Amino acid sequence: MAELDAAHLRSWIGREERVSDLVTARGVREMRATLDLPPGTPQPGDEAPLAAQWCLAPPTVPNSGLGPDGHPARGGFLPPVPLPRRMWAGGALAFHDALRVGDAVERHSTIEDVVVKEGRTGTLCFVTLKHLYATPRGLAVEERQDVVYRGADAASGGSGAADGPRAARHSETVVPTPMLLFRYSAITFNGHRIHYDRDYCLHEEGYPGLIVHGPLQATLLAGFAARLLGRRPARFTFRSVRPIFDGAPMTLNAAEASEGLELWTADADGRAAMLAQAV
């Protein structure tokens, strides 16, 4: 593995990228179906599900440009961090307006920070990005995205409390089947093999099963929050504290907080996997 040059990686701070995409009826129908909602027949102007922005304008590189993990090879817009494992650690969303069928959406992305730390599992590199999603009506979604890179020998089991952060007042069960994970990878054009290639998970990364996407968990929790609040959340923050795997049901959990809702996903043993807040 190449030596990690923090100063070189931090030279990516401030880099910007602008890409655009269209919210299509097919895309909305496929996202609804993936989330086990009635697909219906979306019409121009109909709202897309919350967090539909993650299905828009993904990196689209040829197969020859992918790394061994299925991600685009290092470099380009993101800094070329020479650590083999990359995970979406968390983020924050501010929903200003719905994305609607027929919307032309532009994403303006900026690398805001690159930080190298020595953690319990070895060297970690955190990359913070800011994304602004705008339609002809104006700003729709603001996002902070936190990405973490780590070494191949880092422990794969994660940490986290044995129980959720507090007693759940509301819960729903979701079964993260391989089909659900494959479909979400498909609608987000996510080639990361940890979500669909079981042999790779078991033998290359040392995981006991397929990993449920962080953005998928966040999407499910945001939708759960919207149903409980009776409206689209104004702000939604989330943080992964441990992986959650396919093969057993997981739960979406919520409890009222001083402001809004405290939410979390949990595995079949009740261990919290993603923590979130919605206001």
C-alpha atoms as a PDB file:
ATOM      1  CA  MET A   1       0.000   0.000   0.000  1.00  0.00           C
ATOM      2  CA  ALA A   2       1.285   3.484  -0.837  1.00  0.00           C
ATOM      3  CA  GLU A   3       2.277   5.748   2.055  1.00  0.00           C
ATOM      4  CA  LEU A   4      -0.494   8.058   3.186  1.00  0.00           C
ATOM      5  CA  ASP A   5       0.552  11.672   2.525  1.00  0.00           C
ATOM      6  CA  ALA A   6      -1.880  13.792   4.534  1.00  0.00           C
ATOM      7  CA  ALA A   7      -0.658  17.099   3.103  1.00  0.00           C
ATOM      8  CA  HIS A   8      -1.132  15.847  -0.465  1.00  0.00           C
ATOM      9  CA  LEU A   9      -4.625  14.550   0.302  1.00  0.00           C
ATOM     10  CA  ARG A  10      -5.594  17.837   1.946  1.00  0.00           C
ATOM     11  CA  SER A  11      -4.710  19.633  -1.284  1.00  0.00           C
ATOM     12  CA  TRP A  12      -8.065  18.280  -2.563  1.00  0.00           C
ATOM     13  CA  ILE A  13      -9.929  20.555  -0.104  1.00  0.00           C
ATOM     14  CA  GLY A  14     -11.939  23.096  -2.055  1.00  0.00           C
ATOM     15  CA  ARG A  15     -12.227  21.030  -5.231  1.00  0.00           C
ATOM     16  CA  GLU A  16     -15.633  21.332  -6.855  1.00  0.00           C
ATOM     17  CA  GLU A  17     -17.737  19.315  -9.250  1.00  0.00           C
ATOM     18  CA  ARG A  18     -21.021  20.084 -11.002  1.00  0.00           C
ATOM     19  CA  VAL A  19     -23.160  17.328 -12.501  1.00  0.00           C
ATOM     20  CA  SER A  20     -26.786  17.171 -13.555  1.00  0.00           C
ATOM     21  CA  ASP A  21     -29.546  14.619 -13.981  1.00  0.00           C
ATOM     22  CA  LEU A  22     -33.284  14.346 -14.520  1.00  0.00           C
ATOM     23  CA  VAL A  23     -35.903  12.992 -12.111  1.00  0.00           C
ATOM     24  CA  THR A  24     -37.749  10.525 -14.321  1.00  0.00           C
ATOM     25  CA  ALA A  25     -41.002   8.646 -13.861  1.00  0.00           C
ATOM     26  CA  ARG A  26     -39.086   5.397 -14.294  1.00  0.00           C
ATOM     27  CA  GLY A  27     -36.567   6.363 -11.602  1.00  0.00           C
ATOM     28  CA  VAL A  28     -39.317   7.265  -9.127  1.00  0.00           C
ATOM     29  CA  ARG A  29     -41.211   4.063  -9.925  1.00  0.00           C
ATOM     30  CA  GLU A  30     -38.060   1.954  -9.389  1.00  0.00           C
ATOM     31  CA  MET A  31     -37.227   3.681  -6.107  1.00  0.00           C
ATOM     32  CA  ARG A  32     -40.768   3.158  -4.824  1.00  0.00           C
ATOM     33  CA  ALA A  33     -40.634  -0.513  -5.766  1.00  0.00           C
ATOM     34  CA  THR A  34     -37.228  -0.949  -4.113  1.00  0.00           C
ATOM     35  CA  LEU A  35     -38.626   0.554  -0.888  1.00  0.00           C
ATOM     36  CA  ASP A  36     -41.627  -1.827  -1.158  1.00  0.00           C
ATOM     37  CA  LEU A  37     -44.021   1.030  -1.886  1.00  0.00           C
ATOM     38  CA  PRO A  38     -46.694   0.847  -4.608  1.00  0.00           C
ATOM     39  CA  PRO A  39     -44.840   1.867  -7.799  1.00  0.00           C
ATOM     40  CA  GLY A  40     -47.910   3.493  -9.315  1.00  0.00           C
ATOM     41  CA  THR A  41     -47.681   5.574 -12.470  1.00  0.00           C
ATOM     42  CA  PRO A  42     -45.695   8.716 -11.544  1.00  0.00           C
ATOM     43  CA  GLN A  43     -46.816  11.820 -13.389  1.00  0.00           C
ATOM     44  CA  PRO A  44     -44.912  15.055 -14.069  1.00  0.00           C
ATOM     45  CA  GLY A  45     -44.823  17.062 -10.851  1.00  0.00           C
ATOM     46  CA  ASP A  46     -45.295  14.062  -8.538  1.00  0.00           C
ATOM     47  CA  GLU A  47     -42.923  13.981  -5.570  1.00  0.00           C
ATOM     48  CA  ALA A  48     -40.046  11.528  -5.541  1.00  0.00           C
ATOM     49  CA  PRO A  49     -39.416   9.606  -2.302  1.00  0.00           C
ATOM     50  CA  LEU A  50     -37.219  11.266   0.306  1.00  0.00           C
ATOM     51  CA  ALA A  51     -33.473  10.882  -0.362  1.00  0.00           C
ATOM     52  CA  ALA A  52     -34.077  10.321  -4.077  1.00  0.00           C
ATOM     53  CA  GLN A  53     -31.080  12.594  -4.696  1.00  0.00           C
ATOM     54  CA  TRP A  54     -28.817   9.605  -4.027  1.00  0.00           C
ATOM     55  CA  CYS A  55     -30.177   8.005  -7.201  1.00  0.00           C
ATOM     56  CA  LEU A  56     -29.159  10.991  -9.346  1.00  0.00           C
ATOM     57  CA  ALA A  57     -25.933  11.609 -11.266  1.00  0.00           C
ATOM     58  CA  PRO A  58     -23.826   8.814  -9.718  1.00  0.00           C
ATOM     59  CA  PRO A  59     -20.230   8.362 -10.890  1.00  0.00           C
ATOM     60  CA  THR A  60     -20.418   6.416 -14.146  1.00  0.00           C
ATOM     61  CA  VAL A  61     -17.041   4.990 -15.107  1.00  0.00           C
ATOM     62  CA  PRO A  62     -16.362   2.032 -17.423  1.00  0.00           C
ATOM     63  CA  ASN A  63     -15.796  -1.366 -15.834  1.00  0.00           C
ATOM     64  CA  SER A  64     -12.108  -0.988 -16.634  1.00  0.00           C
ATOM     65  CA  GLY A  65     -12.050   2.078 -14.370  1.00  0.00           C
ATOM     66  CA  LEU A  66     -13.281   0.243 -11.265  1.00  0.00           C
ATOM     67  CA  GLY A  67     -11.079  -0.854  -8.383  1.00  0.00           C
ATOM     68  CA  PRO A  68     -11.106  -4.388  -6.929  1.00  0.00           C
ATOM     69  CA  ASP A  69     -13.865  -3.417  -4.474  1.00  0.00           C
ATOM     70  CA  GLY A  70     -16.181  -2.220  -7.250  1.00  0.00           C
ATOM     71  CA  HIS A  71     -15.736   1.475  -6.471  1.00  0.00           C
ATOM     72  CA  PRO A  72     -14.277   3.796  -9.115  1.00  0.00           C
ATOM     73  CA  ALA A  73     -10.481   3.679  -8.916  1.00  0.00           C
ATOM     74  CA  ARG A  74      -8.846   6.200  -6.589  1.00  0.00           C
ATOM     75  CA  GLY A  75      -8.314   9.750  -7.814  1.00  0.00           C
ATOM     76  CA  GLY A  76     -10.460  12.106  -9.818  1.00  0.00           C
ATOM     77  CA  PHE A  77     -12.795  14.288  -7.794  1.00  0.00           C
ATOM     78  CA  LEU A  78     -12.219  12.423  -4.527  1.00  0.00           C
ATOM     79  CA  PRO A  79      -8.677  12.383  -3.102  1.00  0.00           C
ATOM     80  CA  PRO A  80      -6.660   9.217  -3.889  1.00  0.00           C
ATOM     81  CA  VAL A  81      -6.631   7.861  -0.336  1.00  0.00           C
ATOM     82  CA  PRO A  82      -4.375   4.750  -0.353  1.00  0.00           C
ATOM     83  CA  LEU A  83      -6.495   2.828   2.154  1.00  0.00           C
ATOM     84  CA  PRO A  84      -8.452  -0.075   0.647  1.00  0.00           C
ATOM     85  CA  ARG A  85     -11.781   0.115   2.464  1.00  0.00           C
ATOM     86  CA  ARG A  86     -14.182   2.996   1.959  1.00  0.00           C
ATOM     87  CA  MET A  87     -17.457   3.426   3.847  1.00  0.00           C
ATOM     88  CA  TRP A  88     -20.151   6.067   4.085  1.00  0.00           C
ATOM     89  CA  ALA A  89     -19.906   6.997   7.777  1.00  0.00           C
ATOM     90  CA  GLY A  90     -22.839   9.394   8.017  1.00  0.00           C
ATOM     91  CA  GLY A  91     -24.053  12.818   7.074  1.00  0.00           C
ATOM     92  CA  ALA A  92     -26.721  15.479   7.357  1.00  0.00           C
ATOM     93  CA  LEU A  93     -29.567  16.528   5.087  1.00  0.00           C
ATOM     94  CA  ALA A  94     -31.642  19.692   4.956  1.00  0.00           C
ATOM     95  CA  PHE A  95     -34.792  19.255   2.850  1.00  0.00           C
ATOM     96  CA  HIS A  96     -35.912  22.593   1.411  1.00  0.00           C
ATOM     97  CA  ASP A  97     -38.132  21.334  -1.411  1.00  0.00           C
ATOM     98  CA  ALA A  98     -39.279  18.035  -2.858  1.00  0.00           C
ATOM     99  CA  LEU A  99     -37.682  16.580  -5.954  1.00  0.00           C
ATOM    100  CA  ARG A 100     -40.412  16.018  -8.533  1.00  0.00           C
ATOM    101  CA  VAL A 101     -40.845  13.993 -11.690  1.00  0.00           C
ATOM    102  CA  GLY A 102     -39.543  16.074 -14.583  1.00  0.00           C
ATOM    103  CA  ASP A 103     -37.124  18.145 -12.491  1.00  0.00           C
ATOM    104  CA  ALA A 104     -33.707  18.886 -13.964  1.00  0.00           C
ATOM    105  CA  VAL A 105     -31.401  18.640 -10.946  1.00  0.00           C
ATOM    106  CA  GLU A 106     -27.881  20.033 -10.674  1.00  0.00           C
ATOM    107  CA  ARG A 107     -25.562  18.820  -7.922  1.00  0.00           C
ATOM    108  CA  HIS A 108     -22.762  21.171  -6.874  1.00  0.00           C
ATOM    109  CA  SER A 109     -20.233  19.222  -4.793  1.00  0.00           C
ATOM    110  CA  THR A 110     -17.306  20.586  -2.778  1.00  0.00           C
ATOM    111  CA  ILE A 111     -14.648  18.766  -0.748  1.00  0.00           C
ATOM    112  CA  GLU A 112     -14.749  20.590   2.580  1.00  0.00           C
ATOM    113  CA  ASP A 113     -12.208  18.694   4.675  1.00  0.00           C
ATOM    114  CA  VAL A 114      -9.749  15.787   4.694  1.00  0.00           C
ATOM    115  CA  VAL A 115      -8.544  14.567   8.104  1.00  0.00           C
ATOM    116  CA  VAL A 116      -6.162  11.706   8.900  1.00  0.00           C
ATOM    117  CA  LYS A 117      -6.437  10.114  12.352  1.00  0.00           C
ATOM    118  CA  GLU A 118      -5.025   7.143  14.210  1.00  0.00           C
ATOM    119  CA  GLY A 119      -7.921   5.166  15.603  1.00  0.00           C
ATOM    120  CA  ARG A 120      -8.504   1.973  17.526  1.00  0.00           C
ATOM    121  CA  THR A 121      -8.422   0.012  14.267  1.00  0.00           C
ATOM    122  CA  GLY A 122      -5.429   1.828  12.734  1.00  0.00           C
ATOM    123  CA  THR A 123      -5.116   4.748  10.345  1.00  0.00           C
ATOM    124  CA  LEU A 124      -8.353   6.371   9.259  1.00  0.00           C
ATOM    125  CA  CYS A 125      -8.946   9.101   6.703  1.00  0.00           C
ATOM    126  CA  PHE A 126     -12.157  11.129   6.869  1.00  0.00           C
ATOM    127  CA  VAL A 127     -13.349  13.080   3.835  1.00  0.00           C
ATOM    128  CA  THR A 128     -16.191  15.577   4.256  1.00  0.00           C
ATOM    129  CA  LEU A 129     -18.162  16.701   1.218  1.00  0.00           C
ATOM    130  CA  LYS A 130     -20.917  19.247   0.738  1.00  0.00           C
ATOM    131  CA  HIS A 131     -23.552  18.660  -1.926  1.00  0.00           C
ATOM    132  CA  LEU A 132     -26.168  21.175  -3.050  1.00  0.00           C
ATOM    133  CA  TYR A 133     -29.046  19.835  -5.177  1.00  0.00           C
ATOM    134  CA  ALA A 134     -30.969  22.512  -7.081  1.00  0.00           C
ATOM    135  CA  THR A 135     -33.946  22.433  -9.433  1.00  0.00           C
ATOM    136  CA  PRO A 136     -35.324  25.294 -11.563  1.00  0.00           C
ATOM    137  CA  ARG A 137     -37.355  26.260  -8.454  1.00  0.00           C
ATOM    138  CA  GLY A 138     -34.191  26.729  -6.381  1.00  0.00           C
ATOM    139  CA  LEU A 139     -32.264  24.781  -3.725  1.00  0.00           C
ATOM    140  CA  ALA A 140     -33.966  21.476  -2.903  1.00  0.00           C
ATOM    141  CA  VAL A 141     -31.514  19.533  -0.727  1.00  0.00           C
ATOM    142  CA  GLU A 142     -28.344  20.423   1.171  1.00  0.00           C
ATOM    143  CA  GLU A 143     -26.141  17.533   2.224  1.00  0.00           C
ATOM    144  CA  ARG A 144     -23.021  16.913   4.255  1.00  0.00           C
ATOM    145  CA  GLN A 145     -21.484  13.541   3.400  1.00  0.00           C
ATOM    146  CA  ASP A 146     -18.894  11.903   5.665  1.00  0.00           C
ATOM    147  CA  VAL A 147     -16.736   9.213   4.050  1.00  0.00           C
ATOM    148  CA  VAL A 148     -14.167   7.156   5.973  1.00  0.00           C
ATOM    149  CA  TYR A 149     -11.285   5.144   4.546  1.00  0.00           C
ATOM    150  CA  ARG A 150      -9.533   2.446   6.588  1.00  0.00           C
ATOM    151  CA  GLY A 151      -7.018  -0.341   6.232  1.00  0.00           C
ATOM    152  CA  ALA A 152      -7.738  -3.895   5.155  1.00  0.00           C
ATOM    153  CA  ASP A 153      -6.731  -5.317   8.542  1.00  0.00           C
ATOM    154  CA  ALA A 154      -9.149  -3.187  10.558  1.00  0.00           C
ATOM    155  CA  ALA A 155     -11.696  -5.131  12.543  1.00  0.00           C
ATOM    156  CA  SER A 156     -14.864  -5.678  10.531  1.00  0.00           C
ATOM    157  CA  GLY A 157     -17.361  -6.291  13.293  1.00  0.00           C
ATOM    158  CA  GLY A 158     -17.802  -2.703  14.348  1.00  0.00           C
ATOM    159  CA  SER A 159     -18.810  -1.531  17.796  1.00  0.00           C
ATOM    160  CA  GLY A 160     -21.888  -0.110  19.363  1.00  0.00           C
ATOM    161  CA  ALA A 161     -24.201  -0.620  22.279  1.00  0.00           C
ATOM    162  CA  ALA A 162     -26.028  -3.892  22.715  1.00  0.00           C
ATOM    163  CA  ASP A 163     -29.331  -2.003  22.657  1.00  0.00           C
ATOM    164  CA  GLY A 164     -30.754   1.036  20.931  1.00  0.00           C
ATOM    165  CA  PRO A 165     -29.992   4.411  22.488  1.00  0.00           C
ATOM    166  CA  ARG A 166     -33.329   4.387  24.342  1.00  0.00           C
ATOM    167  CA  ALA A 167     -36.612   2.512  24.456  1.00  0.00           C
ATOM    168  CA  ALA A 168     -38.353   2.683  21.108  1.00  0.00           C
ATOM    169  CA  ARG A 169     -41.859   4.151  21.049  1.00  0.00           C
ATOM    170  CA  HIS A 170     -42.312   3.205  17.397  1.00  0.00           C
ATOM    171  CA  SER A 171     -40.798   0.293  15.459  1.00  0.00           C
ATOM    172  CA  GLU A 172     -41.092  -1.278  12.043  1.00  0.00           C
ATOM    173  CA  THR A 173     -39.393  -4.419  10.773  1.00  0.00           C
ATOM    174  CA  VAL A 174     -37.532  -4.581   7.468  1.00  0.00           C
ATOM    175  CA  VAL A 175     -35.958  -7.733   6.052  1.00  0.00           C
ATOM    176  CA  PRO A 176     -32.721  -6.762   4.234  1.00  0.00           C
ATOM    177  CA  THR A 177     -32.783  -9.472   1.599  1.00  0.00           C
ATOM    178  CA  PRO A 178     -30.077  -9.814  -1.068  1.00  0.00           C
ATOM    179  CA  MET A 179     -32.710  -8.675  -3.605  1.00  0.00           C
ATOM    180  CA  LEU A 180     -33.350  -5.443  -1.669  1.00  0.00           C
ATOM    181  CA  LEU A 181     -29.605  -4.727  -1.471  1.00  0.00           C
ATOM    182  CA  PHE A 182     -29.097  -5.548  -5.151  1.00  0.00           C
ATOM    183  CA  ARG A 183     -31.989  -3.343  -6.220  1.00  0.00           C
ATOM    184  CA  TYR A 184     -30.759  -0.412  -4.135  1.00  0.00           C
ATOM    185  CA  SER A 185     -27.280  -0.838  -5.615  1.00  0.00           C
ATOM    186  CA  ALA A 186     -28.883  -0.848  -9.055  1.00  0.00           C
ATOM    187  CA  ILE A 187     -30.962   2.335  -8.661  1.00  0.00           C
ATOM    188  CA  THR A 188     -27.959   4.190  -7.181  1.00  0.00           C
ATOM    189  CA  PHE A 189     -25.497   2.636  -9.676  1.00  0.00           C
ATOM    190  CA  ASN A 190     -23.355   1.536  -6.726  1.00  0.00           C
ATOM    191  CA  GLY A 191     -20.817  -1.111  -7.700  1.00  0.00           C
ATOM    192  CA  HIS A 192     -19.389  -1.629  -4.193  1.00  0.00           C
ATOM    193  CA  ARG A 193     -19.176  -5.415  -3.911  1.00  0.00           C
ATOM    194  CA  ILE A 194     -19.891  -5.569  -0.162  1.00  0.00           C
ATOM    195  CA  HIS A 195     -23.592  -5.103  -0.973  1.00  0.00           C
ATOM    196  CA  TYR A 196     -24.110  -7.952  -3.467  1.00  0.00           C
ATOM    197  CA  ASP A 197     -21.024 -10.216  -3.732  1.00  0.00           C
ATOM    198  CA  ARG A 198     -21.177 -12.633  -0.798  1.00  0.00           C
ATOM    199  CA  ASP A 199     -17.921 -14.434  -1.619  1.00  0.00           C
ATOM    200  CA  TYR A 200     -16.120 -11.093  -1.706  1.00  0.00           C
ATOM    201  CA  CYS A 201     -17.628 -10.115   1.666  1.00  0.00           C
ATOM    202  CA  LEU A 202     -16.699 -13.391   3.313  1.00  0.00           C
ATOM    203  CA  HIS A 203     -13.270 -14.040   1.846  1.00  0.00           C
ATOM    204  CA  GLU A 204     -11.853 -10.634   0.970  1.00  0.00           C
ATOM    205  CA  GLU A 205     -13.272  -8.276   3.597  1.00  0.00           C
ATOM    206  CA  GLY A 206     -13.992 -10.733   6.397  1.00  0.00           C
ATOM    207  CA  TYR A 207     -17.632  -9.821   6.904  1.00  0.00           C
ATOM    208  CA  PRO A 208     -20.238 -12.441   7.915  1.00  0.00           C
ATOM    209  CA  GLY A 209     -22.667 -11.370   5.197  1.00  0.00           C
ATOM    210  CA  LEU A 210     -23.732  -8.660   2.783  1.00  0.00           C
ATOM    211  CA  ILE A 211     -23.681  -5.167   4.265  1.00  0.00           C
ATOM    212  CA  VAL A 212     -26.848  -3.070   4.240  1.00  0.00           C
ATOM    213  CA  HIS A 213     -26.005   0.257   2.592  1.00  0.00           C
ATOM    214  CA  GLY A 214     -25.691   3.254   4.878  1.00  0.00           C
ATOM    215  CA  PRO A 215     -27.738   5.427   2.485  1.00  0.00           C
ATOM    216  CA  LEU A 216     -30.434   2.741   2.302  1.00  0.00           C
ATOM    217  CA  GLN A 217     -30.712   2.691   6.093  1.00  0.00           C
ATOM    218  CA  ALA A 218     -30.830   6.491   6.105  1.00  0.00           C
ATOM    219  CA  THR A 219     -33.515   6.489   3.393  1.00  0.00           C
ATOM    220  CA  LEU A 220     -35.649   4.041   5.364  1.00  0.00           C
ATOM    221  CA  LEU A 221     -35.243   6.050   8.574  1.00  0.00           C
ATOM    222  CA  ALA A 222     -36.036   9.350   6.829  1.00  0.00           C
ATOM    223  CA  GLY A 223     -39.209   7.862   5.367  1.00  0.00           C
ATOM    224  CA  PHE A 224     -40.120   6.418   8.789  1.00  0.00           C
ATOM    225  CA  ALA A 225     -39.616   9.863  10.340  1.00  0.00           C
ATOM    226  CA  ALA A 226     -41.806  11.496   7.691  1.00  0.00           C
ATOM    227  CA  ARG A 227     -44.634   9.055   8.402  1.00  0.00           C
ATOM    228  CA  LEU A 228     -44.406   9.683  12.158  1.00  0.00           C
ATOM    229  CA  LEU A 229     -44.110  13.464  11.835  1.00  0.00           C
ATOM    230  CA  GLY A 230     -46.788  13.678   9.165  1.00  0.00           C
ATOM    231  CA  ARG A 231     -44.494  15.815   7.015  1.00  0.00           C
ATOM    232  CA  ARG A 232     -41.112  15.898   5.316  1.00  0.00           C
ATOM    233  CA  PRO A 233     -38.360  16.471   7.943  1.00  0.00           C
ATOM    234  CA  ALA A 234     -36.662  19.837   7.660  1.00  0.00           C
ATOM    235  CA  ARG A 235     -33.355  18.385   8.885  1.00  0.00           C
ATOM    236  CA  PHE A 236     -32.140  14.811   9.099  1.00  0.00           C
ATOM    237  CA  THR A 237     -28.748  13.717  10.469  1.00  0.00           C
ATOM    238  CA  PHE A 238     -27.390  10.189  10.629  1.00  0.00           C
ATOM    239  CA  ARG A 239     -24.276   8.318  11.750  1.00  0.00           C
ATOM    240  CA  SER A 240     -23.259   4.671  11.323  1.00  0.00           C
ATOM    241  CA  VAL A 241     -21.942   3.019  14.474  1.00  0.00           C
ATOM    242  CA  ARG A 242     -21.642  -0.583  13.262  1.00  0.00           C
ATOM    243  CA  PRO A 243     -22.394  -2.619  10.135  1.00  0.00           C
ATOM    244  CA  ILE A 244     -25.687  -4.408   9.739  1.00  0.00           C
ATOM    245  CA  PHE A 245     -25.872  -7.526   7.588  1.00  0.00           C
ATOM    246  CA  ASP A 246     -28.412  -9.417   5.543  1.00  0.00           C
ATOM    247  CA  GLY A 247     -29.846 -12.709   6.713  1.00  0.00           C
ATOM    248  CA  ALA A 248     -32.002 -11.525   9.618  1.00  0.00           C
ATOM    249  CA  PRO A 249     -34.684  -8.858  10.106  1.00  0.00           C
ATOM    250  CA  MET A 250     -33.640  -5.372  11.168  1.00  0.00           C
ATOM    251  CA  THR A 251     -35.825  -2.778  12.821  1.00  0.00           C
ATOM    252  CA  LEU A 252     -36.455   0.913  12.265  1.00  0.00           C
ATOM    253  CA  ASN A 253     -36.930   2.537  15.662  1.00  0.00           C
ATOM    254  CA  ALA A 254     -37.996   5.965  16.878  1.00  0.00           C
ATOM    255  CA  ALA A 255     -38.729   7.872  20.045  1.00  0.00           C
ATOM    256  CA  GLU A 256     -39.852  11.439  20.591  1.00  0.00           C
ATOM    257  CA  ALA A 257     -37.058  13.825  21.521  1.00  0.00           C
ATOM    258  CA  SER A 258     -37.058  17.373  22.911  1.00  0.00           C
ATOM    259  CA  GLU A 259     -37.104  18.469  19.284  1.00  0.00           C
ATOM    260  CA  GLY A 260     -38.348  16.065  16.637  1.00  0.00           C
ATOM    261  CA  LEU A 261     -37.426  12.400  16.711  1.00  0.00           C
ATOM    262  CA  GLU A 262     -34.495  10.227  17.711  1.00  0.00           C
ATOM    263  CA  LEU A 263     -34.207   7.262  15.328  1.00  0.00           C
ATOM    264  CA  TRP A 264     -32.024   4.211  14.860  1.00  0.00           C
ATOM    265  CA  THR A 265     -31.747   0.964  12.966  1.00  0.00           C
ATOM    266  CA  ALA A 266     -31.005  -2.188  14.933  1.00  0.00           C
ATOM    267  CA  ASP A 267     -30.087  -5.742  14.037  1.00  0.00           C
ATOM    268  CA  ALA A 268     -31.969  -8.845  15.180  1.00  0.00           C
ATOM    269  CA  ASP A 269     -30.074  -8.762  18.503  1.00  0.00           C
ATOM    270  CA  GLY A 270     -31.144  -5.182  19.175  1.00  0.00           C
ATOM    271  CA  ARG A 271     -27.718  -3.659  18.514  1.00  0.00           C
ATOM    272  CA  ALA A 272     -27.917  -0.149  17.090  1.00  0.00           C
ATOM    273  CA  ALA A 273     -26.372   0.176  13.629  1.00  0.00           C
ATOM    274  CA  MET A 274     -27.280   3.706  12.516  1.00  0.00           C
ATOM    275  CA  LEU A 275     -28.286   6.616  14.738  1.00  0.00           C
ATOM    276  CA  ALA A 276     -30.322   9.507  13.370  1.00  0.00           C
ATOM    277  CA  GLN A 277     -32.281  12.599  14.314  1.00  0.00           C
ATOM    278  CA  ALA A 278     -35.138  14.222  12.421  1.00  0.00           C
ATOM    279  CA  VAL A 279     -36.638  17.649  13.049  1.00  0.00           C
END
